[in-house]
Amino acid sequence: MSRHDAATLTTPDGRYLIVRGRLWRLSSPALDEPQRQALVGQLMDARRLVKAAKAADDAASLKQARAQVQAAKVALGERGPVWWRDGAPDYNRHLVSNSPYADWFDTLPGEGAGPQGSGA
């Protein structure tokens, strides 16, 4: 169930993407593809608004744009209430080394501090 290549690595349970040793919650698998794509489009639009507000040094627009980013991420399931129903806690934004995934991560070639890992 986990993917491991140069671009992506997901946890075996499919809940998180690992980027530079940090866990980032994935979108809810309950979303159908058109729904997910629409929400990703909203997220990208909101991120462009954040960039424009920063460039314009417009604090009010920046606050509104960041709220739109948050709303899109919650709708995707990447923030807010977790989308899984087994009662497991959320480790979003945690270091993988400080999570229950640490032992698994350490067994991956070139990832963890285990015998095959670099420890970096």
PDB file of N, CA and C in Angstrom:
ATOM      1  N   MET A   1       0.813  -1.190   0.000  1.00  0.00           N
ATOM      2  CA  MET A   1       0.000   0.000   0.000  1.00  0.00           C
ATOM      3  C   MET A   1       0.862   1.262   0.000  1.00  0.00           C
ATOM      4  N   SER A   2       2.078   1.185   0.512  1.00  0.00           N
ATOM      5  CA  SER A   2       2.922   2.379   0.500  1.00  0.00           C
ATOM      6  C   SER A   2       3.600   2.523  -0.845  1.00  0.00           C
ATOM      7  N   ARG A   3       3.853   3.766  -1.193  1.00  0.00           N
ATOM      8  CA  ARG A   3       4.587   4.056  -2.414  1.00  0.00           C
ATOM      9  C   ARG A   3       5.935   4.625  -2.008  1.00  0.00           C
ATOM     10  N   HIS A   4       6.968   4.255  -2.747  1.00  0.00           N
ATOM     11  CA  HIS A   4       8.288   4.784  -2.450  1.00  0.00           C
ATOM     12  C   HIS A   4       9.027   4.981  -3.761  1.00  0.00           C
ATOM     13  N   ASP A   5       9.226   6.219  -4.122  1.00  0.00           N
ATOM     14  CA  ASP A   5      10.063   6.537  -5.261  1.00  0.00           C
ATOM     15  C   ASP A   5      10.682   7.899  -4.997  1.00  0.00           C
ATOM     16  N   ALA A   6      11.370   8.444  -5.972  1.00  0.00           N
ATOM     17  CA  ALA A   6      12.076   9.706  -5.776  1.00  0.00           C
ATOM     18  C   ALA A   6      11.132  10.856  -5.445  1.00  0.00           C
ATOM     19  N   ALA A   7       9.881  10.776  -5.893  1.00  0.00           N
ATOM     20  CA  ALA A   7       8.966  11.899  -5.722  1.00  0.00           C
ATOM     21  C   ALA A   7       8.061  11.769  -4.502  1.00  0.00           C
ATOM     22  N   THR A   8       7.602  10.566  -4.186  1.00  0.00           N
ATOM     23  CA  THR A   8       6.614  10.429  -3.121  1.00  0.00           C
ATOM     24  C   THR A   8       6.904   9.238  -2.231  1.00  0.00           C
ATOM     25  N   LEU A   9       6.431   9.355  -1.018  1.00  0.00           N
ATOM     26  CA  LEU A   9       6.461   8.254  -0.076  1.00  0.00           C
ATOM     27  C   LEU A   9       5.229   8.409   0.793  1.00  0.00           C
ATOM     28  N   THR A  10       4.383   7.405   0.817  1.00  0.00           N
ATOM     29  CA  THR A  10       3.205   7.440   1.673  1.00  0.00           C
ATOM     30  C   THR A  10       3.320   6.348   2.717  1.00  0.00           C
ATOM     31  N   THR A  11       2.680   6.591   3.852  1.00  0.00           N
ATOM     32  CA  THR A  11       2.688   5.604   4.924  1.00  0.00           C
ATOM     33  C   THR A  11       1.883   4.372   4.501  1.00  0.00           C
ATOM     34  N   PRO A  12       2.177   3.232   5.099  1.00  0.00           N
ATOM     35  CA  PRO A  12       1.495   2.001   4.694  1.00  0.00           C
ATOM     36  C   PRO A  12      -0.024   2.060   4.805  1.00  0.00           C
ATOM     37  N   ASP A  13      -0.539   2.887   5.723  1.00  0.00           N
ATOM     38  CA  ASP A  13      -1.990   2.997   5.884  1.00  0.00           C
ATOM     39  C   ASP A  13      -2.615   4.014   4.935  1.00  0.00           C
ATOM     40  N   GLY A  14      -1.802   4.690   4.119  1.00  0.00           N
ATOM     41  CA  GLY A  14      -2.302   5.638   3.132  1.00  0.00           C
ATOM     42  C   GLY A  14      -2.811   6.946   3.709  1.00  0.00           C
ATOM     43  N   ARG A  15      -2.417   7.253   4.936  1.00  0.00           N
ATOM     44  CA  ARG A  15      -2.914   8.475   5.570  1.00  0.00           C
ATOM     45  C   ARG A  15      -2.018   9.686   5.351  1.00  0.00           C
ATOM     46  N   TYR A  16      -0.723   9.449   5.165  1.00  0.00           N
ATOM     47  CA  TYR A  16       0.223  10.564   5.112  1.00  0.00           C
ATOM     48  C   TYR A  16       1.201  10.445   3.948  1.00  0.00           C
ATOM     49  N   LEU A  17       1.581  11.595   3.474  1.00  0.00           N
ATOM     50  CA  LEU A  17       2.695  11.757   2.551  1.00  0.00           C
ATOM     51  C   LEU A  17       3.871  12.187   3.410  1.00  0.00           C
ATOM     52  N   ILE A  18       5.052  11.688   3.126  1.00  0.00           N
ATOM     53  CA  ILE A  18       6.236  12.084   3.881  1.00  0.00           C
ATOM     54  C   ILE A  18       7.108  12.950   2.988  1.00  0.00           C
ATOM     55  N   VAL A  19       7.364  14.161   3.457  1.00  0.00           N
ATOM     56  CA  VAL A  19       8.208  15.108   2.742  1.00  0.00           C
ATOM     57  C   VAL A  19       9.280  15.599   3.704  1.00  0.00           C
ATOM     58  N   ARG A  20      10.532  15.357   3.359  1.00  0.00           N
ATOM     59  CA  ARG A  20      11.670  15.761   4.189  1.00  0.00           C
ATOM     60  C   ARG A  20      11.488  15.355   5.647  1.00  0.00           C
ATOM     61  N   GLY A  21      11.014  14.122   5.847  1.00  0.00           N
ATOM     62  CA  GLY A  21      10.900  13.562   7.177  1.00  0.00           C
ATOM     63  C   GLY A  21       9.692  14.015   7.973  1.00  0.00           C
ATOM     64  N   ARG A  22       8.768  14.723   7.333  1.00  0.00           N
ATOM     65  CA  ARG A  22       7.577  15.221   8.023  1.00  0.00           C
ATOM     66  C   ARG A  22       6.328  14.600   7.404  1.00  0.00           C
ATOM     67  N   LEU A  23       5.352  14.287   8.254  1.00  0.00           N
ATOM     68  CA  LEU A  23       4.090  13.702   7.816  1.00  0.00           C
ATOM     69  C   LEU A  23       3.109  14.799   7.415  1.00  0.00           C
ATOM     70  N   TRP A  24       2.485  14.626   6.249  1.00  0.00           N
ATOM     71  CA  TRP A  24       1.462  15.551   5.755  1.00  0.00           C
ATOM     72  C   TRP A  24       0.246  14.722   5.394  1.00  0.00           C
ATOM     73  N   ARG A  25      -0.892  15.036   6.020  1.00  0.00           N
ATOM     74  CA  ARG A  25      -2.103  14.249   5.803  1.00  0.00           C
ATOM     75  C   ARG A  25      -2.538  14.317   4.343  1.00  0.00           C
ATOM     76  N   LEU A  26      -2.889  13.166   3.795  1.00  0.00           N
ATOM     77  CA  LEU A  26      -3.385  13.073   2.426  1.00  0.00           C
ATOM     78  C   LEU A  26      -4.871  13.392   2.362  1.00  0.00           C
ATOM     79  N   SER A  27      -5.342  13.684   1.175  1.00  0.00           N
ATOM     80  CA  SER A  27      -6.767  13.924   0.950  1.00  0.00           C
ATOM     81  C   SER A  27      -7.564  12.668   1.272  1.00  0.00           C
ATOM     82  N   SER A  28      -8.813  12.870   1.630  1.00  0.00           N
ATOM     83  CA  SER A  28      -9.691  11.759   1.957  1.00  0.00           C
ATOM     84  C   SER A  28      -9.931  10.881   0.732  1.00  0.00           C
ATOM     85  N   PRO A  29      -9.748   9.580   0.868  1.00  0.00           N
ATOM     86  CA  PRO A  29     -10.029   8.681  -0.247  1.00  0.00           C
ATOM     87  C   PRO A  29     -11.530   8.557  -0.533  1.00  0.00           C
ATOM     88  N   ALA A  30     -12.370   9.086   0.351  1.00  0.00           N
ATOM     89  CA  ALA A  30     -13.820   9.041   0.129  1.00  0.00           C
ATOM     90  C   ALA A  30     -14.273  10.036  -0.936  1.00  0.00           C
ATOM     91  N   LEU A  31     -13.412  11.003  -1.277  1.00  0.00           N
ATOM     92  CA  LEU A  31     -13.764  11.974  -2.313  1.00  0.00           C
ATOM     93  C   LEU A  31     -13.665  11.307  -3.676  1.00  0.00           C
ATOM     94  N   ASP A  32     -14.677  11.515  -4.517  1.00  0.00           N
ATOM     95  CA  ASP A  32     -14.538  10.992  -5.881  1.00  0.00           C
ATOM     96  C   ASP A  32     -13.622  11.944  -6.661  1.00  0.00           C
ATOM     97  N   GLU A  33     -13.111  11.476  -7.766  1.00  0.00           N
ATOM     98  CA  GLU A  33     -12.091  12.233  -8.498  1.00  0.00           C
ATOM     99  C   GLU A  33     -12.561  13.610  -8.960  1.00  0.00           C
ATOM    100  N   PRO A  34     -13.770  13.757  -9.525  1.00  0.00           N
ATOM    101  CA  PRO A  34     -14.204  15.115  -9.908  1.00  0.00           C
ATOM    102  C   PRO A  34     -14.300  16.064  -8.709  1.00  0.00           C
ATOM    103  N   GLN A  35     -14.776  15.537  -7.595  1.00  0.00           N
ATOM    104  CA  GLN A  35     -14.879  16.326  -6.371  1.00  0.00           C
ATOM    105  C   GLN A  35     -13.490  16.747  -5.889  1.00  0.00           C
ATOM    106  N   ARG A  36     -12.561  15.802  -5.857  1.00  0.00           N
ATOM    107  CA  ARG A  36     -11.196  16.079  -5.422  1.00  0.00           C
ATOM    108  C   ARG A  36     -10.544  17.118  -6.330  1.00  0.00           C
ATOM    109  N   GLN A  37     -10.711  16.951  -7.643  1.00  0.00           N
ATOM    110  CA  GLN A  37     -10.110  17.890  -8.592  1.00  0.00           C
ATOM    111  C   GLN A  37     -10.668  19.299  -8.409  1.00  0.00           C
ATOM    112  N   ALA A  38     -11.976  19.409  -8.170  1.00  0.00           N
ATOM    113  CA  ALA A  38     -12.587  20.728  -7.950  1.00  0.00           C
ATOM    114  C   ALA A  38     -12.003  21.384  -6.705  1.00  0.00           C
ATOM    115  N   LEU A  39     -11.840  20.609  -5.642  1.00  0.00           N
ATOM    116  CA  LEU A  39     -11.278  21.151  -4.406  1.00  0.00           C
ATOM    117  C   LEU A  39      -9.808  21.525  -4.566  1.00  0.00           C
ATOM    118  N   VAL A  40      -9.063  20.727  -5.308  1.00  0.00           N
ATOM    119  CA  VAL A  40      -7.666  21.066  -5.579  1.00  0.00           C
ATOM    120  C   VAL A  40      -7.603  22.364  -6.389  1.00  0.00           C
ATOM    121  N   GLY A  41      -8.501  22.539  -7.335  1.00  0.00           N
ATOM    122  CA  GLY A  41      -8.566  23.789  -8.092  1.00  0.00           C
ATOM    123  C   GLY A  41      -8.833  24.980  -7.188  1.00  0.00           C
ATOM    124  N   GLN A  42      -9.758  24.804  -6.234  1.00  0.00           N
ATOM    125  CA  GLN A  42     -10.034  25.873  -5.274  1.00  0.00           C
ATOM    126  C   GLN A  42      -8.806  26.174  -4.421  1.00  0.00           C
ATOM    127  N   LEU A  43      -8.103  25.129  -4.019  1.00  0.00           N
ATOM    128  CA  LEU A  43      -6.896  25.302  -3.223  1.00  0.00           C
ATOM    129  C   LEU A  43      -5.827  26.074  -4.000  1.00  0.00           C
ATOM    130  N   MET A  44      -5.625  25.699  -5.247  1.00  0.00           N
ATOM    131  CA  MET A  44      -4.617  26.387  -6.058  1.00  0.00           C
ATOM    132  C   MET A  44      -5.001  27.857  -6.286  1.00  0.00           C
ATOM    133  N   ASP A  45      -6.288  28.112  -6.536  1.00  0.00           N
ATOM    134  CA  ASP A  45      -6.755  29.498  -6.687  1.00  0.00           C
ATOM    135  C   ASP A  45      -6.479  30.291  -5.413  1.00  0.00           C
ATOM    136  N   ALA A  46      -6.775  29.698  -4.269  1.00  0.00           N
ATOM    137  CA  ALA A  46      -6.560  30.376  -2.991  1.00  0.00           C
ATOM    138  C   ALA A  46      -5.075  30.643  -2.758  1.00  0.00           C
ATOM    139  N   ARG A  47      -4.229  29.695  -3.128  1.00  0.00           N
ATOM    140  CA  ARG A  47      -2.787  29.901  -2.968  1.00  0.00           C
ATOM    141  C   ARG A  47      -2.282  31.035  -3.863  1.00  0.00           C
ATOM    142  N   ARG A  48      -2.854  31.146  -5.053  1.00  0.00           N
ATOM    143  CA  ARG A  48      -2.485  32.277  -5.924  1.00  0.00           C
ATOM    144  C   ARG A  48      -2.922  33.596  -5.296  1.00  0.00           C
ATOM    145  N   LEU A  49      -4.081  33.599  -4.649  1.00  0.00           N
ATOM    146  CA  LEU A  49      -4.546  34.802  -3.962  1.00  0.00           C
ATOM    147  C   LEU A  49      -3.622  35.169  -2.801  1.00  0.00           C
ATOM    148  N   VAL A  50      -3.123  34.174  -2.091  1.00  0.00           N
ATOM    149  CA  VAL A  50      -2.154  34.424  -1.017  1.00  0.00           C
ATOM    150  C   VAL A  50      -0.913  35.096  -1.593  1.00  0.00           C
ATOM    151  N   LYS A  51      -0.412  34.569  -2.681  1.00  0.00           N
ATOM    152  CA  LYS A  51       0.786  35.132  -3.309  1.00  0.00           C
ATOM    153  C   LYS A  51       0.548  36.577  -3.745  1.00  0.00           C
ATOM    154  N   ALA A  52      -0.596  36.817  -4.359  1.00  0.00           N
ATOM    155  CA  ALA A  52      -0.907  38.173  -4.823  1.00  0.00           C
ATOM    156  C   ALA A  52      -1.062  39.138  -3.649  1.00  0.00           C
ATOM    157  N   ALA A  53      -1.707  38.691  -2.583  1.00  0.00           N
ATOM    158  CA  ALA A  53      -1.895  39.554  -1.412  1.00  0.00           C
ATOM    159  C   ALA A  53      -0.561  39.887  -0.758  1.00  0.00           C
ATOM    160  N   LYS A  54       0.336  38.904  -0.713  1.00  0.00           N
ATOM    161  CA  LYS A  54       1.671  39.166  -0.169  1.00  0.00           C
ATOM    162  C   LYS A  54       2.408  40.178  -1.032  1.00  0.00           C
ATOM    163  N   ALA A  55       2.334  40.001  -2.340  1.00  0.00           N
ATOM    164  CA  ALA A  55       3.021  40.916  -3.255  1.00  0.00           C
ATOM    165  C   ALA A  55       2.471  42.337  -3.140  1.00  0.00           C
ATOM    166  N   ALA A  56       1.179  42.445  -2.880  1.00  0.00           N
ATOM    167  CA  ALA A  56       0.540  43.760  -2.755  1.00  0.00           C
ATOM    168  C   ALA A  56       0.632  44.302  -1.329  1.00  0.00           C
ATOM    169  N   ASP A  57       1.182  43.520  -0.412  1.00  0.00           N
ATOM    170  CA  ASP A  57       1.278  43.900   0.995  1.00  0.00           C
ATOM    171  C   ASP A  57      -0.100  44.288   1.538  1.00  0.00           C
ATOM    172  N   ASP A  58      -1.090  43.452   1.207  1.00  0.00           N
ATOM    173  CA  ASP A  58      -2.486  43.702   1.565  1.00  0.00           C
ATOM    174  C   ASP A  58      -2.896  42.710   2.661  1.00  0.00           C
ATOM    175  N   ALA A  59      -2.833  43.145   3.903  1.00  0.00           N
ATOM    176  CA  ALA A  59      -3.085  42.272   5.045  1.00  0.00           C
ATOM    177  C   ALA A  59      -4.507  41.708   5.053  1.00  0.00           C
ATOM    178  N   ALA A  60      -5.488  42.519   4.702  1.00  0.00           N
ATOM    179  CA  ALA A  60      -6.882  42.047   4.716  1.00  0.00           C
ATOM    180  C   ALA A  60      -7.090  40.963   3.669  1.00  0.00           C
ATOM    181  N   SER A  61      -6.562  41.178   2.473  1.00  0.00           N
ATOM    182  CA  SER A  61      -6.687  40.172   1.407  1.00  0.00           C
ATOM    183  C   SER A  61      -5.917  38.911   1.762  1.00  0.00           C
ATOM    184  N   LEU A  62      -4.770  39.076   2.401  1.00  0.00           N
ATOM    185  CA  LEU A  62      -3.973  37.921   2.802  1.00  0.00           C
ATOM    186  C   LEU A  62      -4.731  37.071   3.821  1.00  0.00           C
ATOM    187  N   LYS A  63      -5.365  37.711   4.783  1.00  0.00           N
ATOM    188  CA  LYS A  63      -6.143  36.984   5.782  1.00  0.00           C
ATOM    189  C   LYS A  63      -7.283  36.212   5.122  1.00  0.00           C
ATOM    190  N   GLN A  64      -7.976  36.846   4.199  1.00  0.00           N
ATOM    191  CA  GLN A  64      -9.088  36.202   3.500  1.00  0.00           C
ATOM    192  C   GLN A  64      -8.587  35.035   2.640  1.00  0.00           C
ATOM    193  N   ALA A  65      -7.476  35.239   1.931  1.00  0.00           N
ATOM    194  CA  ALA A  65      -6.923  34.191   1.068  1.00  0.00           C
ATOM    195  C   ALA A  65      -6.463  32.993   1.896  1.00  0.00           C
ATOM    196  N   ARG A  66      -5.841  33.246   3.032  1.00  0.00           N
ATOM    197  CA  ARG A  66      -5.402  32.140   3.897  1.00  0.00           C
ATOM    198  C   ARG A  66      -6.605  31.367   4.447  1.00  0.00           C
ATOM    199  N   ALA A  67      -7.696  32.069   4.719  1.00  0.00           N
ATOM    200  CA  ALA A  67      -8.915  31.386   5.162  1.00  0.00           C
ATOM    201  C   ALA A  67      -9.458  30.486   4.047  1.00  0.00           C
ATOM    202  N   GLN A  68      -9.329  30.925   2.799  1.00  0.00           N
ATOM    203  CA  GLN A  68      -9.772  30.103   1.665  1.00  0.00           C
ATOM    204  C   GLN A  68      -8.885  28.866   1.516  1.00  0.00           C
ATOM    205  N   VAL A  69      -7.583  29.015   1.731  1.00  0.00           N
ATOM    206  CA  VAL A  69      -6.674  27.863   1.698  1.00  0.00           C
ATOM    207  C   VAL A  69      -7.095  26.872   2.782  1.00  0.00           C
ATOM    208  N   GLN A  70      -7.319  27.372   3.983  1.00  0.00           N
ATOM    209  CA  GLN A  70      -7.731  26.501   5.090  1.00  0.00           C
ATOM    210  C   GLN A  70      -9.030  25.767   4.759  1.00  0.00           C
ATOM    211  N   ALA A  71     -10.008  26.479   4.228  1.00  0.00           N
ATOM    212  CA  ALA A  71     -11.301  25.863   3.903  1.00  0.00           C
ATOM    213  C   ALA A  71     -11.139  24.756   2.862  1.00  0.00           C
ATOM    214  N   ALA A  72     -10.315  24.995   1.859  1.00  0.00           N
ATOM    215  CA  ALA A  72     -10.090  23.977   0.825  1.00  0.00           C
ATOM    216  C   ALA A  72      -9.390  22.757   1.412  1.00  0.00           C
ATOM    217  N   LYS A  73      -8.399  22.979   2.266  1.00  0.00           N
ATOM    218  CA  LYS A  73      -7.674  21.863   2.871  1.00  0.00           C
ATOM    219  C   LYS A  73      -8.584  21.047   3.807  1.00  0.00           C
ATOM    220  N   VAL A  74      -9.458  21.731   4.530  1.00  0.00           N
ATOM    221  CA  VAL A  74     -10.414  21.007   5.388  1.00  0.00           C
ATOM    222  C   VAL A  74     -11.363  20.188   4.518  1.00  0.00           C
ATOM    223  N   ALA A  75     -11.856  20.777   3.430  1.00  0.00           N
ATOM    224  CA  ALA A  75     -12.775  20.058   2.532  1.00  0.00           C
ATOM    225  C   ALA A  75     -12.094  18.838   1.910  1.00  0.00           C
ATOM    226  N   LEU A  76     -10.794  18.939   1.640  1.00  0.00           N
ATOM    227  CA  LEU A  76     -10.040  17.811   1.094  1.00  0.00           C
ATOM    228  C   LEU A  76      -9.748  16.741   2.146  1.00  0.00           C
ATOM    229  N   GLY A  77      -9.847  17.115   3.409  1.00  0.00           N
ATOM    230  CA  GLY A  77      -9.523  16.184   4.487  1.00  0.00           C
ATOM    231  C   GLY A  77      -8.085  16.277   4.945  1.00  0.00           C
ATOM    232  N   GLU A  78      -7.337  17.241   4.419  1.00  0.00           N
ATOM    233  CA  GLU A  78      -5.929  17.388   4.777  1.00  0.00           C
ATOM    234  C   GLU A  78      -5.742  18.120   6.104  1.00  0.00           C
ATOM    235  N   ARG A  79      -6.754  18.833   6.533  1.00  0.00           N
ATOM    236  CA  ARG A  79      -6.761  19.511   7.832  1.00  0.00           C
ATOM    237  C   ARG A  79      -8.132  19.308   8.446  1.00  0.00           C
ATOM    238  N   GLY A  80      -8.275  19.753   9.689  1.00  0.00           N
ATOM    239  CA  GLY A  80      -9.563  19.590  10.366  1.00  0.00           C
ATOM    240  C   GLY A  80      -9.748  18.172  10.858  1.00  0.00           C
ATOM    241  N   PRO A  81     -10.991  17.751  11.031  1.00  0.00           N
ATOM    242  CA  PRO A  81     -11.247  16.387  11.528  1.00  0.00           C
ATOM    243  C   PRO A  81     -10.645  15.341  10.592  1.00  0.00           C
ATOM    244  N   VAL A  82     -10.107  14.287  11.183  1.00  0.00           N
ATOM    245  CA  VAL A  82      -9.515  13.225  10.363  1.00  0.00           C
ATOM    246  C   VAL A  82     -10.600  12.488   9.592  1.00  0.00           C
ATOM    247  N   TRP A  83     -10.232  11.917   8.461  1.00  0.00           N
ATOM    248  CA  TRP A  83     -11.195  11.207   7.626  1.00  0.00           C
ATOM    249  C   TRP A  83     -11.276   9.722   7.943  1.00  0.00           C
ATOM    250  N   TRP A  84     -10.337   9.202   8.722  1.00  0.00           N
ATOM    251  CA  TRP A  84     -10.421   7.784   9.080  1.00  0.00           C
ATOM    252  C   TRP A  84     -11.271   7.642  10.331  1.00  0.00           C
ATOM    253  N   ARG A  85     -11.796   6.438  10.517  1.00  0.00           N
ATOM    254  CA  ARG A  85     -12.792   6.231  11.570  1.00  0.00           C
ATOM    255  C   ARG A  85     -12.361   5.218  12.638  1.00  0.00           C
ATOM    256  N   ASP A  86     -11.074   4.882  12.680  1.00  0.00           N
ATOM    257  CA  ASP A  86     -10.637   3.872  13.645  1.00  0.00           C
ATOM    258  C   ASP A  86     -10.156   4.464  14.966  1.00  0.00           C
ATOM    259  N   GLY A  87     -10.279   5.775  15.127  1.00  0.00           N
ATOM    260  CA  GLY A  87      -9.890   6.421  16.374  1.00  0.00           C
ATOM    261  C   GLY A  87      -8.410   6.746  16.492  1.00  0.00           C
ATOM    262  N   ALA A  88      -7.626   6.427  15.470  1.00  0.00           N
ATOM    263  CA  ALA A  88      -6.186   6.719  15.510  1.00  0.00           C
ATOM    264  C   ALA A  88      -5.964   8.231  15.532  1.00  0.00           C
ATOM    265  N   PRO A  89      -4.972   8.677  16.315  1.00  0.00           N
ATOM    266  CA  PRO A  89      -4.699  10.115  16.383  1.00  0.00           C
ATOM    267  C   PRO A  89      -4.117  10.648  15.083  1.00  0.00           C
ATOM    268  N   ASP A  90      -4.137  11.960  14.970  1.00  0.00           N
ATOM    269  CA  ASP A  90      -3.606  12.635  13.789  1.00  0.00           C
ATOM    270  C   ASP A  90      -2.160  13.045  14.046  1.00  0.00           C
ATOM    271  N   TYR A  91      -1.279  12.697  13.131  1.00  0.00           N
ATOM    272  CA  TYR A  91       0.131  13.077  13.224  1.00  0.00           C
ATOM    273  C   TYR A  91       0.509  14.056  12.124  1.00  0.00           C
ATOM    274  N   ASN A  92      -0.469  14.765  11.582  1.00  0.00           N
ATOM    275  CA  ASN A  92      -0.203  15.745  10.530  1.00  0.00           C
ATOM    276  C   ASN A  92       0.843  16.750  11.005  1.00  0.00           C
ATOM    277  N   ARG A  93       1.830  16.978  10.168  1.00  0.00           N
ATOM    278  CA  ARG A  93       2.927  17.924  10.388  1.00  0.00           C
ATOM    279  C   ARG A  93       3.951  17.459  11.418  1.00  0.00           C
ATOM    280  N   HIS A  94       3.785  16.275  11.981  1.00  0.00           N
ATOM    281  CA  HIS A  94       4.772  15.739  12.923  1.00  0.00           C
ATOM    282  C   HIS A  94       5.961  15.181  12.153  1.00  0.00           C
ATOM    283  N   LEU A  95       7.112  15.172  12.796  1.00  0.00           N
ATOM    284  CA  LEU A  95       8.253  14.470  12.225  1.00  0.00           C
ATOM    285  C   LEU A  95       7.953  12.974  12.271  1.00  0.00           C
ATOM    286  N   VAL A  96       8.279  12.289  11.189  1.00  0.00           N
ATOM    287  CA  VAL A  96       8.017  10.848  11.156  1.00  0.00           C
ATOM    288  C   VAL A  96       8.790  10.152  12.268  1.00  0.00           C
ATOM    289  N   SER A  97       9.952  10.676  12.620  1.00  0.00           N
ATOM    290  CA  SER A  97      10.766  10.072  13.678  1.00  0.00           C
ATOM    291  C   SER A  97      10.114  10.168  15.052  1.00  0.00           C
ATOM    292  N   ASN A  98       9.136  11.068  15.206  1.00  0.00           N
ATOM    293  CA  ASN A  98       8.413  11.220  16.472  1.00  0.00           C
ATOM    294  C   ASN A  98       6.991  10.686  16.363  1.00  0.00           C
ATOM    295  N   SER A  99       6.812   9.672  15.560  1.00  0.00           N
ATOM    296  CA  SER A  99       5.476   9.127  15.324  1.00  0.00           C
ATOM    297  C   SER A  99       5.519   7.602  15.359  1.00  0.00           C
ATOM    298  N   PRO A 100       4.360   6.970  15.349  1.00  0.00           N
ATOM    299  CA  PRO A 100       4.333   5.504  15.297  1.00  0.00           C
ATOM    300  C   PRO A 100       4.897   4.930  13.993  1.00  0.00           C
ATOM    301  N   TYR A 101       5.143   5.778  13.005  1.00  0.00           N
ATOM    302  CA  TYR A 101       5.696   5.328  11.728  1.00  0.00           C
ATOM    303  C   TYR A 101       7.221   5.276  11.746  1.00  0.00           C
ATOM    304  N   ALA A 102       7.855   5.678  12.823  1.00  0.00           N
ATOM    305  CA  ALA A 102       9.315   5.796  12.888  1.00  0.00           C
ATOM    306  C   ALA A 102      10.027   4.473  12.580  1.00  0.00           C
ATOM    307  N   ASP A 103       9.603   3.381  13.208  1.00  0.00           N
ATOM    308  CA  ASP A 103      10.277   2.094  12.982  1.00  0.00           C
ATOM    309  C   ASP A 103      10.138   1.649  11.536  1.00  0.00           C
ATOM    310  N   TRP A 104       8.945   1.792  10.978  1.00  0.00           N
ATOM    311  CA  TRP A 104       8.728   1.450   9.565  1.00  0.00           C
ATOM    312  C   TRP A 104       9.628   2.307   8.674  1.00  0.00           C
ATOM    313  N   PHE A 105       9.660   3.613   8.931  1.00  0.00           N
ATOM    314  CA  PHE A 105      10.436   4.545   8.121  1.00  0.00           C
ATOM    315  C   PHE A 105      11.925   4.200   8.166  1.00  0.00           C
ATOM    316  N   ASP A 106      12.403   3.806   9.339  1.00  0.00           N
ATOM    317  CA  ASP A 106      13.818   3.462   9.490  1.00  0.00           C
ATOM    318  C   ASP A 106      14.227   2.228   8.701  1.00  0.00           C
ATOM    319  N   THR A 107      13.269   1.390   8.317  1.00  0.00           N
ATOM    320  CA  THR A 107      13.606   0.193   7.543  1.00  0.00           C
ATOM    321  C   THR A 107      13.731   0.478   6.046  1.00  0.00           C
ATOM    322  N   LEU A 108      13.336   1.677   5.608  1.00  0.00           N
ATOM    323  CA  LEU A 108      13.357   1.996   4.184  1.00  0.00           C
ATOM    324  C   LEU A 108      14.755   2.381   3.732  1.00  0.00           C
ATOM    325  N   PRO A 109      15.211   1.827   2.629  1.00  0.00           N
ATOM    326  CA  PRO A 109      16.539   2.180   2.125  1.00  0.00           C
ATOM    327  C   PRO A 109      16.659   3.682   1.869  1.00  0.00           C
ATOM    328  N   GLY A 110      17.712   4.267   2.432  1.00  0.00           N
ATOM    329  CA  GLY A 110      17.993   5.675   2.193  1.00  0.00           C
ATOM    330  C   GLY A 110      17.109   6.645   2.944  1.00  0.00           C
ATOM    331  N   GLU A 111      16.253   6.169   3.837  1.00  0.00           N
ATOM    332  CA  GLU A 111      15.324   7.066   4.525  1.00  0.00           C
ATOM    333  C   GLU A 111      15.684   7.264   5.984  1.00  0.00           C
ATOM    334  N   GLY A 112      15.670   6.212   6.740  1.00  0.00           N
ATOM    335  CA  GLY A 112      15.816   6.352   8.185  1.00  0.00           C
ATOM    336  C   GLY A 112      17.225   6.124   8.656  1.00  0.00           C
ATOM    337  N   ALA A 113      17.353   5.916   9.951  1.00  0.00           N
ATOM    338  CA  ALA A 113      18.666   5.726  10.565  1.00  0.00           C
ATOM    339  C   ALA A 113      19.010   4.254  10.732  1.00  0.00           C
ATOM    340  N   GLY A 114      18.153   3.385  10.186  1.00  0.00           N
ATOM    341  CA  GLY A 114      18.376   1.947  10.311  1.00  0.00           C
ATOM    342  C   GLY A 114      19.596   1.498   9.541  1.00  0.00           C
ATOM    343  N   PRO A 115      19.857   0.188   9.497  1.00  0.00           N
ATOM    344  CA  PRO A 115      21.067  -0.337   8.868  1.00  0.00           C
ATOM    345  C   PRO A 115      21.191   0.038   7.409  1.00  0.00           C
ATOM    346  N   GLN A 116      20.054   0.255   6.728  1.00  0.00           N
ATOM    347  CA  GLN A 116      20.123   0.607   5.322  1.00  0.00           C
ATOM    348  C   GLN A 116      20.003   2.099   5.103  1.00  0.00           C
ATOM    349  N   GLY A 117      19.588   2.824   6.118  1.00  0.00           N
ATOM    350  CA  GLY A 117      19.341   4.254   5.977  1.00  0.00           C
ATOM    351  C   GLY A 117      20.584   5.083   6.172  1.00  0.00           C
ATOM    352  N   SER A 118      20.438   6.349   5.851  1.00  0.00           N
ATOM    353  CA  SER A 118      21.576   7.260   5.938  1.00  0.00           C
ATOM    354  C   SER A 118      21.655   7.936   7.296  1.00  0.00           C
ATOM    355  N   GLY A 119      20.535   7.975   8.025  1.00  0.00           N
ATOM    356  CA  GLY A 119      20.507   8.638   9.304  1.00  0.00           C
ATOM    357  C   GLY A 119      20.498  10.141   9.204  1.00  0.00           C
ATOM    358  N   ALA A 120      20.355  10.666   7.990  1.00  0.00           N
ATOM    359  CA  ALA A 120      20.393  12.122   7.786  1.00  0.00           C
ATOM    360  C   ALA A 120      19.104  12.783   8.121  1.00  0.00           C
TER     361      ALA A 120
END
